Amino acid sequence: MNLSDFDYALPEHLIAQEPLAGRDDSRMLAVSRARQTYRDQRFHELPDHLTVGDVLVLNNTKVFPARLAGRLETGAAIELFLIEENQDNIWTALARPGRRLKPGKRILFDNDLSSEVLEKLADGKILVRFDAERPVFDLIEQTGKTPLPPYIHRTGANVEEDRVRYQTVYASRRGAIAAPTAGLHFTPFTLDRIRERGVQIVEITLHVGYGTFEPVRVDDIADHSVMAERFQISAEAADILNSAVSGRRRIVAVGTTTTRALETSATRHGRFVAESSLADLTIRPGYKFNAVNALLTNFHLPKSSLLILVSTFGGHELIMNSYRHAVESGYRFYSYGDCMFIS
């Protein structure tokens, strides 16, 4: 299939710029693969779609404030977007503007944090080393800003609120540069209601990386590969997931990141194993799902790898028709937007 097969028209006013007052106030489009139908609901109805024995899988990664506003020794302003720590204090990053940065240049930040450019990499990335007497992550937490996606065009009054709202209520393992946004709808009350239905809740970790933002740059999607992201599945989680498979019980993934981690593990080993590894799987049409039976996900960008994943799971025609319905019905799109549940 070609990239154009995953395009759709989205009016800009449907791109959510703010979170709703309540996390669980969002709309939810319930999509049935068996019936080839979709219907308008609210997220608080999600527990009604779950039943005794289901396993709901959450990604407990925690977003860190990866955008750092700095300056060169000349006083020129520079912003770093941290992508990944390669080794202690050495990071891959994007810089804006990047043309002034050559190896040896120093970048100064608040809170006595500074870095040196070590190398210019491909695709506009750079390698930097931070110098600090205190742990760098602690200083980043004090100095950095929440790495909101580029389609959210605002600054100011809500910046501090974003530190809380661009984070799931169960986030616990720091390392993501983007939120697993399907999880943003959950509240402790919703999770309690799900448990009361006899559903097991399992947490795994996938640190959402730059691949979330990276556009698909090829026409033939068979030529596209999504960047690898770090994930971890505990022994306890693996046992619960394997038991669900053996008992023919549903595994319900919250988000495309959770889906990618689960499918990587199940495809690689034929079962779930306790591991800390890289999810290097690119899910595209023709892929056979080995782990996930139902999926909660937000609405994704046109021509994106995430939309390709979702349409592979739900079926291309059904998902694209669902997206067109969501547009016509005024759903809110992307990170702070509404969601869909595909069963």
Foldseek 3Di string as FASTA:
>chain_A
DWLVLQFDDFDLVLADQDFDPALQAAKAWEAELVVLDIDIGGSLCVLVVDAALEEEEAAQEWAAQQWFWWAWPVRHIKIWRFFADPDQQKTKIAMVPQPPADFQTKIDGPPGKIWTWHAQDPPRITIIGIDDPDRPSVVSNVGGFQLDDPSNDDDPDCRVVCSPQQHAPNHDHYAANHRLQLRSSDDPVSVVSNVVNNYHYHYWHWHHGPLQVDAADGTPCVPDWGDKIKIWDAQVRQVSQQVSVVVVHAHEYRHPRSQLVQQQQCVVPVGHDGDIDIRRDQDAAPDDGDGHDKYKYFADHGSGSRSRNVCNNSPSVSSVVVVVVCSVVSWRHDRSTHIYIYD
